[in-house]
């Protein structure tokens, strides 16, 4: 079975999304939003082929849209690792280019570690 994990960065993104949603829309909406993200994570675990690759992004990144956000993941064997979660209003590829050196390094290190090449 596929294992889905979130990096520390992705967990911080979730906290930020939750705090923003509570502030702008209230507790109920924030909880629903996080529930939708959790449902997406479960769906990815069951059907990892739903992750999308983008030709303009690094080969290490795969994406899954959830409401107004994208889960940005990397896949290693039976592991899907959510690296970060970004809002759709952002120019996603531009934002990834800003993050890419550290995000790609993180994906490569996780890949190496999970494949036993560390």
C-alpha atoms as a PDB file:
ATOM      1  CA  UNK A   1       0.000   0.000   0.000  1.00  0.00           C
ATOM      2  CA  UNK A   2       1.097   3.548  -0.740  1.00  0.00           C
ATOM      3  CA  UNK A   3       2.279   5.598   2.208  1.00  0.00           C
ATOM      4  CA  UNK A   4       1.574   9.359   2.174  1.00  0.00           C
ATOM      5  CA  UNK A   5       3.711  11.615   4.350  1.00  0.00           C
ATOM      6  CA  UNK A   6       3.926  15.367   4.840  1.00  0.00           C
ATOM      7  CA  UNK A   7       7.169  17.253   5.262  1.00  0.00           C
ATOM      8  CA  UNK A   8       7.638  19.807   8.012  1.00  0.00           C
ATOM      9  CA  UNK A   9       7.146  22.532   5.389  1.00  0.00           C
ATOM     10  CA  UNK A  10       3.800  21.003   4.324  1.00  0.00           C
ATOM     11  CA  UNK A  11       2.676  20.810   7.954  1.00  0.00           C
ATOM     12  CA  UNK A  12       3.522  24.515   8.377  1.00  0.00           C
ATOM     13  CA  UNK A  13       1.536  25.237   5.206  1.00  0.00           C
ATOM     14  CA  UNK A  14      -1.475  23.439   6.712  1.00  0.00           C
ATOM     15  CA  UNK A  15      -1.215  25.499   9.887  1.00  0.00           C
ATOM     16  CA  UNK A  16      -1.050  28.686   7.817  1.00  0.00           C
ATOM     17  CA  UNK A  17      -4.030  27.628   5.672  1.00  0.00           C
ATOM     18  CA  UNK A  18      -6.024  26.806   8.797  1.00  0.00           C
ATOM     19  CA  UNK A  19      -5.205  30.087  10.544  1.00  0.00           C
ATOM     20  CA  UNK A  20      -6.002  32.127   7.435  1.00  0.00           C
ATOM     21  CA  UNK A  21      -9.268  30.246   6.869  1.00  0.00           C
ATOM     22  CA  UNK A  22     -10.370  30.728  10.483  1.00  0.00           C
ATOM     23  CA  UNK A  23      -9.571  34.436  10.293  1.00  0.00           C
ATOM     24  CA  UNK A  24     -11.315  35.006   6.940  1.00  0.00           C
ATOM     25  CA  UNK A  25     -14.139  32.466   6.938  1.00  0.00           C
ATOM     26  CA  UNK A  26     -14.575  31.045  10.447  1.00  0.00           C
ATOM     27  CA  UNK A  27     -13.852  27.773  12.232  1.00  0.00           C
ATOM     28  CA  UNK A  28     -16.432  25.636  10.391  1.00  0.00           C
ATOM     29  CA  UNK A  29     -15.136  26.561   6.941  1.00  0.00           C
ATOM     30  CA  UNK A  30     -11.522  26.075   8.080  1.00  0.00           C
ATOM     31  CA  UNK A  31     -12.342  22.588   9.375  1.00  0.00           C
ATOM     32  CA  UNK A  32     -14.117  21.716   6.103  1.00  0.00           C
ATOM     33  CA  UNK A  33     -11.109  22.915   4.116  1.00  0.00           C
ATOM     34  CA  UNK A  34      -8.721  20.753   6.149  1.00  0.00           C
ATOM     35  CA  UNK A  35     -11.156  17.835   5.840  1.00  0.00           C
ATOM     36  CA  UNK A  36     -11.016  18.233   2.057  1.00  0.00           C
ATOM     37  CA  UNK A  37      -7.214  18.198   2.119  1.00  0.00           C
ATOM     38  CA  UNK A  38      -7.284  15.087   4.299  1.00  0.00           C
ATOM     39  CA  UNK A  39      -9.722  13.420   1.880  1.00  0.00           C
ATOM     40  CA  UNK A  40      -7.367  14.275  -0.999  1.00  0.00           C
ATOM     41  CA  UNK A  41      -4.450  12.690   0.866  1.00  0.00           C
ATOM     42  CA  UNK A  42      -6.476   9.514   1.409  1.00  0.00           C
ATOM     43  CA  UNK A  43      -7.477   9.481  -2.261  1.00  0.00           C
ATOM     44  CA  UNK A  44      -3.837   9.880  -3.320  1.00  0.00           C
ATOM     45  CA  UNK A  45      -2.927   6.968  -1.053  1.00  0.00           C
ATOM     46  CA  UNK A  46      -5.549   4.814  -2.783  1.00  0.00           C
ATOM     47  CA  UNK A  47      -4.906   6.124  -6.305  1.00  0.00           C
ATOM     48  CA  UNK A  48      -1.445   7.708  -6.601  1.00  0.00           C
ATOM     49  CA  UNK A  49      -1.786   7.841 -10.387  1.00  0.00           C
ATOM     50  CA  UNK A  50      -4.069  10.833  -9.833  1.00  0.00           C
ATOM     51  CA  UNK A  51      -0.949  12.934  -9.220  1.00  0.00           C
ATOM     52  CA  UNK A  52      -0.167  15.119 -12.233  1.00  0.00           C
ATOM     53  CA  UNK A  53       3.244  15.943 -13.682  1.00  0.00           C
ATOM     54  CA  UNK A  54       3.803  19.329 -15.306  1.00  0.00           C
ATOM     55  CA  UNK A  55       6.255  19.554 -18.178  1.00  0.00           C
ATOM     56  CA  UNK A  56       7.497  22.967 -16.979  1.00  0.00           C
ATOM     57  CA  UNK A  57       8.314  21.674 -13.487  1.00  0.00           C
ATOM     58  CA  UNK A  58      11.058  19.415 -12.186  1.00  0.00           C
ATOM     59  CA  UNK A  59      10.643  15.701 -12.828  1.00  0.00           C
ATOM     60  CA  UNK A  60      10.655  15.258  -9.041  1.00  0.00           C
ATOM     61  CA  UNK A  61       7.377  17.172  -8.581  1.00  0.00           C
ATOM     62  CA  UNK A  62       3.841  15.929  -9.005  1.00  0.00           C
ATOM     63  CA  UNK A  63       0.693  17.889  -8.239  1.00  0.00           C
ATOM     64  CA  UNK A  64      -2.812  17.384  -6.956  1.00  0.00           C
ATOM     65  CA  UNK A  65      -5.383  20.196  -6.794  1.00  0.00           C
ATOM     66  CA  UNK A  66      -7.543  20.592  -3.690  1.00  0.00           C
ATOM     67  CA  UNK A  67     -10.013  23.457  -3.819  1.00  0.00           C
ATOM     68  CA  UNK A  68      -7.830  26.553  -4.193  1.00  0.00           C
ATOM     69  CA  UNK A  69      -4.521  24.843  -3.392  1.00  0.00           C
ATOM     70  CA  UNK A  70      -2.077  22.436  -4.983  1.00  0.00           C
ATOM     71  CA  UNK A  71      -0.414  19.631  -3.076  1.00  0.00           C
ATOM     72  CA  UNK A  72       3.134  19.512  -4.408  1.00  0.00           C
ATOM     73  CA  UNK A  73       4.491  16.014  -3.992  1.00  0.00           C
ATOM     74  CA  UNK A  74       7.352  13.738  -4.850  1.00  0.00           C
ATOM     75  CA  UNK A  75       6.951  10.017  -5.372  1.00  0.00           C
ATOM     76  CA  UNK A  76       9.451   7.347  -4.350  1.00  0.00           C
ATOM     77  CA  UNK A  77       8.423   3.732  -4.859  1.00  0.00           C
ATOM     78  CA  UNK A  78       5.441   3.216  -2.532  1.00  0.00           C
ATOM     79  CA  UNK A  79       5.787   6.621  -0.874  1.00  0.00           C
ATOM     80  CA  UNK A  80       4.146   9.910  -1.766  1.00  0.00           C
ATOM     81  CA  UNK A  81       5.672  12.817   0.108  1.00  0.00           C
ATOM     82  CA  UNK A  82       3.821  16.128   0.209  1.00  0.00           C
ATOM     83  CA  UNK A  83       6.604  18.703   0.030  1.00  0.00           C
ATOM     84  CA  UNK A  84       4.500  21.868   0.245  1.00  0.00           C
ATOM     85  CA  UNK A  85       0.966  23.171  -0.303  1.00  0.00           C
ATOM     86  CA  UNK A  86       0.521  26.339  -2.378  1.00  0.00           C
ATOM     87  CA  UNK A  87      -2.451  28.511  -3.284  1.00  0.00           C
ATOM     88  CA  UNK A  88      -3.651  28.368  -6.892  1.00  0.00           C
ATOM     89  CA  UNK A  89      -3.663  32.166  -7.205  1.00  0.00           C
ATOM     90  CA  UNK A  90       0.110  32.131  -6.977  1.00  0.00           C
ATOM     91  CA  UNK A  91       1.949  31.609 -10.215  1.00  0.00           C
ATOM     92  CA  UNK A  92       2.712  28.047  -9.213  1.00  0.00           C
ATOM     93  CA  UNK A  93       5.602  27.443 -11.571  1.00  0.00           C
ATOM     94  CA  UNK A  94       7.193  30.795 -10.707  1.00  0.00           C
ATOM     95  CA  UNK A  95       6.843  30.034  -6.994  1.00  0.00           C
ATOM     96  CA  UNK A  96       8.327  26.576  -7.536  1.00  0.00           C
ATOM     97  CA  UNK A  97      11.274  28.120  -9.356  1.00  0.00           C
ATOM     98  CA  UNK A  98      11.884  30.264  -6.272  1.00  0.00           C
ATOM     99  CA  UNK A  99      11.618  27.262  -3.968  1.00  0.00           C
ATOM    100  CA  UNK A 100      13.020  24.717  -6.385  1.00  0.00           C
ATOM    101  CA  UNK A 101      16.662  24.553  -5.333  1.00  0.00           C
ATOM    102  CA  UNK A 102      15.774  23.693  -1.733  1.00  0.00           C
ATOM    103  CA  UNK A 103      12.561  21.836  -2.590  1.00  0.00           C
ATOM    104  CA  UNK A 104      14.265  19.765  -5.277  1.00  0.00           C
ATOM    105  CA  UNK A 105      17.165  19.017  -2.935  1.00  0.00           C
ATOM    106  CA  UNK A 106      14.656  17.930  -0.305  1.00  0.00           C
ATOM    107  CA  UNK A 107      12.920  15.668  -2.846  1.00  0.00           C
ATOM    108  CA  UNK A 108      16.235  14.182  -3.961  1.00  0.00           C
ATOM    109  CA  UNK A 109      17.354  13.554  -0.366  1.00  0.00           C
ATOM    110  CA  UNK A 110      14.056  11.884   0.475  1.00  0.00           C
ATOM    111  CA  UNK A 111      14.273   9.850  -2.701  1.00  0.00           C
ATOM    112  CA  UNK A 112      17.807   8.764  -1.869  1.00  0.00           C
ATOM    113  CA  UNK A 113      16.977   7.970   1.744  1.00  0.00           C
ATOM    114  CA  UNK A 114      13.866   5.962   0.868  1.00  0.00           C
ATOM    115  CA  UNK A 115      15.708   4.051  -1.819  1.00  0.00           C
ATOM    116  CA  UNK A 116      18.489   3.258   0.654  1.00  0.00           C
ATOM    117  CA  UNK A 117      21.182   5.255  -1.143  1.00  0.00           C
ATOM    118  CA  UNK A 118      22.123   7.596   1.710  1.00  0.00           C
END
